[in-house]
């Protein structure tokens, strides 16, 4: 059972690196501030009129930006 948990941990640690998690959190916060500051008073804007959509888009963008700095390419070049 312990070996299965270690495999599961390693699998998810490859996907969710520290930089991507930090980007996810900062993007979520940024998406919420975007909703508060920019927002949409008429309710016709798909992203900025709904706080959940703003947070989700901010989290996605933050995750992708944070994932750019995880260093996978550097590790792959060193292994070759």
C-alpha atoms as a PDB file:
ATOM      1  CA  UNK A   1       0.000   0.000   0.000  1.00  0.00           C
ATOM      2  CA  UNK A   2       2.862   2.370   0.761  1.00  0.00           C
ATOM      3  CA  UNK A   3       4.440   1.811  -2.664  1.00  0.00           C
ATOM      4  CA  UNK A   4       1.152   2.708  -4.366  1.00  0.00           C
ATOM      5  CA  UNK A   5       0.961   5.958  -2.411  1.00  0.00           C
ATOM      6  CA  UNK A   6       4.514   6.882  -3.406  1.00  0.00           C
ATOM      7  CA  UNK A   7       3.738   6.288  -7.091  1.00  0.00           C
ATOM      8  CA  UNK A   8       0.601   8.399  -6.790  1.00  0.00           C
ATOM      9  CA  UNK A   9       2.522  11.200  -5.048  1.00  0.00           C
ATOM     10  CA  UNK A  10       5.257  11.240  -7.695  1.00  0.00           C
ATOM     11  CA  UNK A  11       2.677  11.289 -10.487  1.00  0.00           C
ATOM     12  CA  UNK A  12       0.904  14.351  -9.101  1.00  0.00           C
ATOM     13  CA  UNK A  13       4.085  16.129  -8.048  1.00  0.00           C
ATOM     14  CA  UNK A  14       5.150  16.069 -11.696  1.00  0.00           C
ATOM     15  CA  UNK A  15       1.915  17.785 -12.723  1.00  0.00           C
ATOM     16  CA  UNK A  16       1.558  20.233  -9.839  1.00  0.00           C
ATOM     17  CA  UNK A  17       4.933  21.821  -9.284  1.00  0.00           C
ATOM     18  CA  UNK A  18       5.549  24.575  -6.768  1.00  0.00           C
ATOM     19  CA  UNK A  19       5.586  27.311  -9.399  1.00  0.00           C
ATOM     20  CA  UNK A  20       2.357  26.115 -10.986  1.00  0.00           C
ATOM     21  CA  UNK A  21       0.589  25.994  -7.611  1.00  0.00           C
ATOM     22  CA  UNK A  22       1.816  29.470  -6.724  1.00  0.00           C
ATOM     23  CA  UNK A  23       0.653  30.696 -10.121  1.00  0.00           C
ATOM     24  CA  UNK A  24      -2.718  29.025  -9.561  1.00  0.00           C
ATOM     25  CA  UNK A  25      -3.232  30.782  -6.226  1.00  0.00           C
ATOM     26  CA  UNK A  26      -2.010  34.172  -7.436  1.00  0.00           C
ATOM     27  CA  UNK A  27      -4.107  33.858 -10.589  1.00  0.00           C
ATOM     28  CA  UNK A  28      -7.194  33.067  -8.517  1.00  0.00           C
ATOM     29  CA  UNK A  29      -6.618  36.130  -6.387  1.00  0.00           C
ATOM     30  CA  UNK A  30      -5.971  38.218  -9.495  1.00  0.00           C
ATOM     31  CA  UNK A  31      -9.158  36.944 -11.116  1.00  0.00           C
ATOM     32  CA  UNK A  32     -11.177  37.937  -8.082  1.00  0.00           C
ATOM     33  CA  UNK A  33      -9.624  41.413  -8.026  1.00  0.00           C
ATOM     34  CA  UNK A  34     -10.363  41.700 -11.738  1.00  0.00           C
ATOM     35  CA  UNK A  35     -14.009  40.930 -10.948  1.00  0.00           C
ATOM     36  CA  UNK A  36     -14.042  43.563  -8.201  1.00  0.00           C
ATOM     37  CA  UNK A  37     -12.242  46.340 -10.060  1.00  0.00           C
ATOM     38  CA  UNK A  38     -13.198  45.863 -13.712  1.00  0.00           C
ATOM     39  CA  UNK A  39     -16.404  43.849 -13.400  1.00  0.00           C
ATOM     40  CA  UNK A  40     -19.447  44.308 -15.588  1.00  0.00           C
ATOM     41  CA  UNK A  41     -22.385  46.299 -14.282  1.00  0.00           C
ATOM     42  CA  UNK A  42     -24.814  45.246 -17.020  1.00  0.00           C
ATOM     43  CA  UNK A  43     -24.268  41.505 -16.494  1.00  0.00           C
ATOM     44  CA  UNK A  44     -23.664  40.903 -20.192  1.00  0.00           C
ATOM     45  CA  UNK A  45     -19.971  40.154 -19.891  1.00  0.00           C
ATOM     46  CA  UNK A  46     -19.362  36.415 -19.697  1.00  0.00           C
ATOM     47  CA  UNK A  47     -16.227  36.437 -17.573  1.00  0.00           C
ATOM     48  CA  UNK A  48     -16.181  39.655 -15.587  1.00  0.00           C
ATOM     49  CA  UNK A  49     -19.842  39.616 -14.522  1.00  0.00           C
ATOM     50  CA  UNK A  50     -19.485  36.330 -12.611  1.00  0.00           C
ATOM     51  CA  UNK A  51     -16.937  36.037  -9.769  1.00  0.00           C
ATOM     52  CA  UNK A  52     -16.620  32.271 -10.228  1.00  0.00           C
ATOM     53  CA  UNK A  53     -15.762  32.625 -13.904  1.00  0.00           C
ATOM     54  CA  UNK A  54     -13.243  35.382 -13.165  1.00  0.00           C
ATOM     55  CA  UNK A  55     -11.537  33.279 -10.513  1.00  0.00           C
ATOM     56  CA  UNK A  56     -11.523  30.189 -12.767  1.00  0.00           C
ATOM     57  CA  UNK A  57      -9.977  32.045 -15.715  1.00  0.00           C
ATOM     58  CA  UNK A  58      -7.468  33.763 -13.439  1.00  0.00           C
ATOM     59  CA  UNK A  59      -6.491  30.428 -11.910  1.00  0.00           C
ATOM     60  CA  UNK A  60      -6.059  28.832 -15.337  1.00  0.00           C
ATOM     61  CA  UNK A  61      -3.885  31.665 -16.628  1.00  0.00           C
ATOM     62  CA  UNK A  62      -1.886  31.740 -13.388  1.00  0.00           C
ATOM     63  CA  UNK A  63      -1.309  27.985 -13.545  1.00  0.00           C
ATOM     64  CA  UNK A  64      -0.104  28.187 -17.133  1.00  0.00           C
ATOM     65  CA  UNK A  65       2.204  31.117 -16.400  1.00  0.00           C
ATOM     66  CA  UNK A  66       3.608  29.394 -13.321  1.00  0.00           C
ATOM     67  CA  UNK A  67       4.090  26.157 -15.248  1.00  0.00           C
ATOM     68  CA  UNK A  68       6.405  27.953 -17.665  1.00  0.00           C
ATOM     69  CA  UNK A  69       8.991  28.262 -14.879  1.00  0.00           C
ATOM     70  CA  UNK A  70       9.091  24.668 -13.632  1.00  0.00           C
ATOM     71  CA  UNK A  71      12.340  23.747 -15.417  1.00  0.00           C
ATOM     72  CA  UNK A  72      11.286  20.535 -17.171  1.00  0.00           C
ATOM     73  CA  UNK A  73      13.263  21.433 -20.299  1.00  0.00           C
ATOM     74  CA  UNK A  74      16.375  21.986 -18.237  1.00  0.00           C
ATOM     75  CA  UNK A  75      16.001  18.551 -16.612  1.00  0.00           C
ATOM     76  CA  UNK A  76      15.439  16.855 -19.973  1.00  0.00           C
ATOM     77  CA  UNK A  77      18.574  18.443 -21.463  1.00  0.00           C
ATOM     78  CA  UNK A  78      20.661  17.327 -18.491  1.00  0.00           C
ATOM     79  CA  UNK A  79      19.440  13.718 -18.783  1.00  0.00           C
ATOM     80  CA  UNK A  80      20.476  13.503 -22.469  1.00  0.00           C
END
